[in-house]
N, C-alpha and C. Protein backbone atom coordinates (compact mmCIF):
# COMPACT_ATOMS: atom_id res chain seq x y z
N MET A 1 4.26 6.81 6.40
CA MET A 1 5.49 7.41 5.87
C MET A 1 5.10 8.56 4.96
N SER A 2 5.81 9.65 5.07
CA SER A 2 5.59 10.80 4.21
C SER A 2 6.86 11.07 3.42
N THR A 3 6.70 11.38 2.15
CA THR A 3 7.86 11.65 1.30
C THR A 3 8.15 13.14 1.28
N PRO A 4 9.31 13.56 0.75
CA PRO A 4 9.63 14.99 0.68
C PRO A 4 8.60 15.80 -0.10
N THR A 5 7.86 15.14 -0.99
CA THR A 5 6.84 15.86 -1.78
C THR A 5 5.50 15.90 -1.06
N GLY A 6 5.44 15.33 0.15
CA GLY A 6 4.21 15.37 0.94
C GLY A 6 3.27 14.22 0.68
N GLU A 7 3.70 13.24 -0.11
CA GLU A 7 2.85 12.08 -0.37
C GLU A 7 2.85 11.19 0.87
N ILE A 8 1.69 10.67 1.23
CA ILE A 8 1.58 9.84 2.42
C ILE A 8 1.27 8.41 2.03
N TYR A 9 2.08 7.49 2.54
CA TYR A 9 1.88 6.06 2.36
C TYR A 9 1.54 5.49 3.73
N ARG A 10 0.54 4.61 3.78
CA ARG A 10 0.14 4.06 5.07
C ARG A 10 0.06 2.54 4.97
N ILE A 11 0.66 1.86 5.94
CA ILE A 11 0.57 0.41 6.03
C ILE A 11 0.09 0.06 7.42
N ASP A 12 -1.00 -0.70 7.49
CA ASP A 12 -1.57 -1.14 8.76
C ASP A 12 -1.53 -2.65 8.83
N TRP A 13 -1.27 -3.17 10.00
CA TRP A 13 -1.36 -4.61 10.25
C TRP A 13 -2.80 -4.91 10.61
N LEU A 14 -3.38 -5.96 10.03
CA LEU A 14 -4.75 -6.35 10.33
C LEU A 14 -4.70 -7.31 11.52
N PRO A 15 -5.11 -6.84 12.71
CA PRO A 15 -5.02 -7.66 13.93
C PRO A 15 -5.69 -9.03 13.76
N GLY A 16 -5.05 -10.04 14.32
CA GLY A 16 -5.58 -11.39 14.24
C GLY A 16 -5.23 -12.12 12.95
N THR A 17 -4.44 -11.46 12.08
CA THR A 17 -4.04 -12.06 10.81
C THR A 17 -2.55 -11.83 10.60
N ASP A 18 -2.03 -12.38 9.53
CA ASP A 18 -0.66 -12.10 9.11
C ASP A 18 -0.67 -11.13 7.93
N LEU A 19 -1.72 -10.35 7.78
CA LEU A 19 -1.88 -9.49 6.62
C LEU A 19 -1.57 -8.03 6.92
N LEU A 20 -1.03 -7.37 5.91
CA LEU A 20 -0.80 -5.94 5.94
C LEU A 20 -1.73 -5.29 4.94
N HIS A 21 -2.26 -4.14 5.29
CA HIS A 21 -3.15 -3.40 4.39
C HIS A 21 -2.50 -2.05 4.11
N GLY A 22 -2.20 -1.80 2.85
CA GLY A 22 -1.53 -0.55 2.48
C GLY A 22 -2.45 0.37 1.72
N THR A 23 -2.26 1.67 1.96
CA THR A 23 -2.99 2.70 1.22
C THR A 23 -1.96 3.66 0.66
N CYS A 24 -1.97 3.80 -0.65
CA CYS A 24 -1.05 4.69 -1.36
C CYS A 24 -1.56 6.13 -1.28
N HIS A 25 -0.69 7.08 -1.55
CA HIS A 25 -1.08 8.49 -1.55
C HIS A 25 -2.18 8.78 -2.56
N CYS A 26 -2.32 7.93 -3.60
CA CYS A 26 -3.35 8.15 -4.62
C CYS A 26 -4.70 7.57 -4.21
N GLY A 27 -4.72 6.84 -3.08
CA GLY A 27 -5.96 6.25 -2.59
C GLY A 27 -6.11 4.78 -2.92
N ALA A 28 -5.24 4.23 -3.78
CA ALA A 28 -5.31 2.80 -4.09
C ALA A 28 -4.95 1.99 -2.85
N GLU A 29 -5.56 0.82 -2.73
CA GLU A 29 -5.32 -0.04 -1.57
C GLU A 29 -4.84 -1.41 -2.02
N HIS A 30 -4.08 -2.07 -1.14
CA HIS A 30 -3.51 -3.37 -1.46
C HIS A 30 -3.32 -4.13 -0.16
N THR A 31 -3.54 -5.44 -0.20
CA THR A 31 -3.34 -6.29 0.97
C THR A 31 -2.31 -7.35 0.62
N ALA A 32 -1.36 -7.57 1.52
CA ALA A 32 -0.30 -8.55 1.29
C ALA A 32 0.18 -9.11 2.62
N GLN A 33 0.77 -10.28 2.56
CA GLN A 33 1.32 -10.90 3.76
C GLN A 33 2.79 -10.51 3.95
N ASP A 34 3.49 -10.25 2.87
CA ASP A 34 4.91 -9.97 2.89
C ASP A 34 5.18 -8.46 2.90
N PRO A 35 5.89 -7.94 3.91
CA PRO A 35 6.17 -6.50 3.96
C PRO A 35 6.96 -6.00 2.75
N VAL A 36 7.87 -6.83 2.23
CA VAL A 36 8.65 -6.42 1.06
C VAL A 36 7.73 -6.26 -0.15
N GLU A 37 6.81 -7.21 -0.33
CA GLU A 37 5.85 -7.11 -1.43
C GLU A 37 5.02 -5.84 -1.31
N MET A 38 4.61 -5.51 -0.08
CA MET A 38 3.80 -4.31 0.14
C MET A 38 4.56 -3.05 -0.27
N TRP A 39 5.81 -2.91 0.17
CA TRP A 39 6.59 -1.72 -0.19
C TRP A 39 6.90 -1.67 -1.68
N GLU A 40 7.18 -2.81 -2.28
CA GLU A 40 7.42 -2.82 -3.73
C GLU A 40 6.19 -2.35 -4.48
N TRP A 41 5.01 -2.77 -4.02
CA TRP A 41 3.76 -2.34 -4.66
C TRP A 41 3.61 -0.82 -4.53
N MET A 42 3.82 -0.31 -3.33
CA MET A 42 3.65 1.13 -3.12
C MET A 42 4.64 1.95 -3.92
N LEU A 43 5.90 1.55 -3.90
CA LEU A 43 6.93 2.34 -4.55
C LEU A 43 6.94 2.17 -6.06
N ALA A 44 6.18 1.22 -6.59
CA ALA A 44 6.09 1.02 -8.04
C ALA A 44 5.00 1.90 -8.65
N HIS A 45 4.49 2.84 -7.90
CA HIS A 45 3.41 3.72 -8.36
C HIS A 45 3.75 4.29 -9.73
N PRO A 46 2.87 4.33 -10.71
CA PRO A 46 1.47 3.95 -10.65
C PRO A 46 1.17 2.52 -11.07
N ARG A 47 2.20 1.71 -11.36
CA ARG A 47 1.96 0.33 -11.78
C ARG A 47 1.22 -0.42 -10.68
N GLY A 48 0.11 -1.07 -11.03
CA GLY A 48 -0.66 -1.82 -10.06
C GLY A 48 -1.72 -0.99 -9.35
N HIS A 49 -1.82 0.27 -9.70
CA HIS A 49 -2.78 1.16 -9.06
C HIS A 49 -3.93 1.49 -10.00
N GLU A 50 -4.55 0.44 -10.56
CA GLU A 50 -5.58 0.65 -11.57
C GLU A 50 -6.76 1.48 -11.08
N SER A 51 -7.25 1.16 -9.88
CA SER A 51 -8.42 1.90 -9.41
C SER A 51 -8.38 2.01 -7.90
N ARG A 52 -9.02 3.01 -7.38
CA ARG A 52 -9.10 3.21 -5.94
C ARG A 52 -9.81 2.04 -5.30
N GLY A 53 -9.20 1.48 -4.24
CA GLY A 53 -9.81 0.39 -3.51
C GLY A 53 -9.51 -0.98 -4.07
N SER A 54 -8.62 -1.08 -5.06
CA SER A 54 -8.30 -2.40 -5.60
C SER A 54 -7.45 -3.17 -4.62
N SER A 55 -7.58 -4.49 -4.59
CA SER A 55 -6.82 -5.33 -3.67
C SER A 55 -5.93 -6.29 -4.42
N SER A 56 -5.39 -5.91 -5.54
CA SER A 56 -4.58 -6.82 -6.33
C SER A 56 -3.12 -6.74 -6.00
């Protein structure tokens, strides 16, 4: 998904699992089972985006 400001959010399904892996436009990463949780994490930027590559 791309926003009007050009920020890119990416969510991938991890094959063979029930997990989603999201990458925010800032480079932070997050894994979750619930799609709503994933979008809430992404759209709550920068809360929860402590460091690049975090999986919290």
